[in-house]
Amino acid sequence: MAAYLAHITVRDDLDDDQVTGMADALGAFGDPEVHVDRIVFVVPGEAPDSTTAEIAASQHAAELLDGYMYEVEVTEVR
């Protein structure tokens, strides 16, 4: 299986406790990138191909981030 990183961007005004809780729930790696208008969490995972990785990351985010505006982008780790 290939290793992937899902970059999950949340576009909402979050306090520190919310960011910490989201990072833990998502299984994020390292500290999230905090920007003025967004927070980017990096979530590692494995999948047999990029399509499966994209679907799995999107479902994972949807289950945990219901009610928040977010985007998911998956890249393969080489």
C-alpha atoms as a PDB file:
ATOM      1  CA  MET A   1       0.000   0.000   0.000  1.00  0.00           C
ATOM      2  CA  ALA A   2       1.087   3.521  -0.707  1.00  0.00           C
ATOM      3  CA  ALA A   3       1.333   6.211   1.947  1.00  0.00           C
ATOM      4  CA  TYR A   4      -0.714   9.383   1.531  1.00  0.00           C
ATOM      5  CA  LEU A   5      -1.152  12.700   3.280  1.00  0.00           C
ATOM      6  CA  ALA A   6      -4.559  14.307   3.399  1.00  0.00           C
ATOM      7  CA  HIS A   7      -4.419  18.089   3.729  1.00  0.00           C
ATOM      8  CA  ILE A   8      -7.724  18.996   5.338  1.00  0.00           C
ATOM      9  CA  THR A   9      -8.407  22.724   5.270  1.00  0.00           C
ATOM     10  CA  VAL A  10     -11.070  24.088   7.608  1.00  0.00           C
ATOM     11  CA  ARG A  11     -12.364  27.549   6.742  1.00  0.00           C
ATOM     12  CA  ASP A  12     -13.927  28.711   9.971  1.00  0.00           C
ATOM     13  CA  ASP A  13     -13.097  30.866  12.989  1.00  0.00           C
ATOM     14  CA  LEU A  14     -11.863  28.334  15.551  1.00  0.00           C
ATOM     15  CA  ASP A  15     -10.466  28.799  19.036  1.00  0.00           C
ATOM     16  CA  ASP A  16      -7.395  26.905  20.274  1.00  0.00           C
ATOM     17  CA  ASP A  17      -9.452  24.195  21.994  1.00  0.00           C
ATOM     18  CA  GLN A  18     -11.425  23.534  18.812  1.00  0.00           C
ATOM     19  CA  VAL A  19      -8.222  23.288  16.767  1.00  0.00           C
ATOM     20  CA  THR A  20      -6.688  20.869  19.265  1.00  0.00           C
ATOM     21  CA  GLY A  21      -9.852  18.759  19.358  1.00  0.00           C
ATOM     22  CA  MET A  22     -10.082  18.621  15.570  1.00  0.00           C
ATOM     23  CA  ALA A  23      -6.415  17.677  15.245  1.00  0.00           C
ATOM     24  CA  ASP A  24      -6.881  14.822  17.717  1.00  0.00           C
ATOM     25  CA  ALA A  25     -10.124  13.606  16.142  1.00  0.00           C
ATOM     26  CA  LEU A  26      -8.681  13.709  12.624  1.00  0.00           C
ATOM     27  CA  GLY A  27      -5.451  11.973  13.664  1.00  0.00           C
ATOM     28  CA  ALA A  28      -3.427  14.911  12.355  1.00  0.00           C
ATOM     29  CA  PHE A  29       0.349  14.738  12.162  1.00  0.00           C
ATOM     30  CA  GLY A  30       2.282  17.593  13.775  1.00  0.00           C
ATOM     31  CA  ASP A  31       0.925  21.056  14.431  1.00  0.00           C
ATOM     32  CA  PRO A  32      -1.758  22.386  12.096  1.00  0.00           C
ATOM     33  CA  GLU A  33      -0.921  25.322   9.818  1.00  0.00           C
ATOM     34  CA  VAL A  34      -2.848  28.263  11.229  1.00  0.00           C
ATOM     35  CA  HIS A  35      -3.668  31.075   8.786  1.00  0.00           C
ATOM     36  CA  VAL A  36      -5.927  34.092   9.145  1.00  0.00           C
ATOM     37  CA  ASP A  37      -8.765  32.542   7.149  1.00  0.00           C
ATOM     38  CA  ARG A  38      -8.098  28.806   7.440  1.00  0.00           C
ATOM     39  CA  ILE A  39      -6.429  25.975   9.352  1.00  0.00           C
ATOM     40  CA  VAL A  40      -4.743  23.098   7.542  1.00  0.00           C
ATOM     41  CA  PHE A  41      -4.444  19.696   9.193  1.00  0.00           C
ATOM     42  CA  VAL A  42      -2.129  17.043   7.749  1.00  0.00           C
ATOM     43  CA  VAL A  43      -3.504  13.531   8.225  1.00  0.00           C
ATOM     44  CA  PRO A  44      -1.405  10.488   7.226  1.00  0.00           C
ATOM     45  CA  GLY A  45      -2.908   7.331   5.802  1.00  0.00           C
ATOM     46  CA  GLU A  46      -2.431   4.357   3.519  1.00  0.00           C
ATOM     47  CA  ALA A  47      -4.454   3.204   0.536  1.00  0.00           C
ATOM     48  CA  PRO A  48      -3.977   0.981  -2.516  1.00  0.00           C
ATOM     49  CA  ASP A  49      -4.353   3.960  -4.899  1.00  0.00           C
ATOM     50  CA  SER A  50      -4.953   7.709  -4.980  1.00  0.00           C
ATOM     51  CA  THR A  51      -8.671   7.414  -5.759  1.00  0.00           C
ATOM     52  CA  THR A  52      -9.261   5.230  -2.711  1.00  0.00           C
ATOM     53  CA  ALA A  53      -7.149   7.583  -0.588  1.00  0.00           C
ATOM     54  CA  GLU A  54      -9.177  10.592  -1.749  1.00  0.00           C
ATOM     55  CA  ILE A  55     -12.484   8.855  -0.990  1.00  0.00           C
ATOM     56  CA  ALA A  56     -11.334   7.643   2.435  1.00  0.00           C
ATOM     57  CA  ALA A  57      -9.970  11.057   3.439  1.00  0.00           C
ATOM     58  CA  SER A  58     -13.133  12.807   2.283  1.00  0.00           C
ATOM     59  CA  GLN A  59     -15.359  10.390   4.219  1.00  0.00           C
ATOM     60  CA  HIS A  60     -13.183  10.728   7.321  1.00  0.00           C
ATOM     61  CA  ALA A  61     -13.418  14.532   7.183  1.00  0.00           C
ATOM     62  CA  ALA A  62     -17.171  14.454   6.520  1.00  0.00           C
ATOM     63  CA  GLU A  63     -17.801  12.278   9.578  1.00  0.00           C
ATOM     64  CA  LEU A  64     -15.822  14.550  11.886  1.00  0.00           C
ATOM     65  CA  LEU A  65     -16.347  18.019  10.458  1.00  0.00           C
ATOM     66  CA  ASP A  66     -20.104  18.088   9.947  1.00  0.00           C
ATOM     67  CA  GLY A  67     -21.225  21.702  10.012  1.00  0.00           C
ATOM     68  CA  TYR A  68     -17.820  23.165   9.125  1.00  0.00           C
ATOM     69  CA  MET A  69     -16.622  24.401   5.747  1.00  0.00           C
ATOM     70  CA  TYR A  70     -13.647  22.271   4.692  1.00  0.00           C
ATOM     71  CA  GLU A  71     -11.675  21.002   1.707  1.00  0.00           C
ATOM     72  CA  VAL A  72      -9.621  17.833   1.290  1.00  0.00           C
ATOM     73  CA  GLU A  73      -6.550  17.396  -0.908  1.00  0.00           C
ATOM     74  CA  VAL A  74      -4.584  14.143  -0.944  1.00  0.00           C
ATOM     75  CA  THR A  75      -0.956  13.717  -1.995  1.00  0.00           C
ATOM     76  CA  GLU A  76       1.135  10.573  -2.229  1.00  0.00           C
ATOM     77  CA  VAL A  77       4.230  10.346  -0.032  1.00  0.00           C
ATOM     78  CA  ARG A  78       7.278   9.171  -1.928  1.00  0.00           C
END
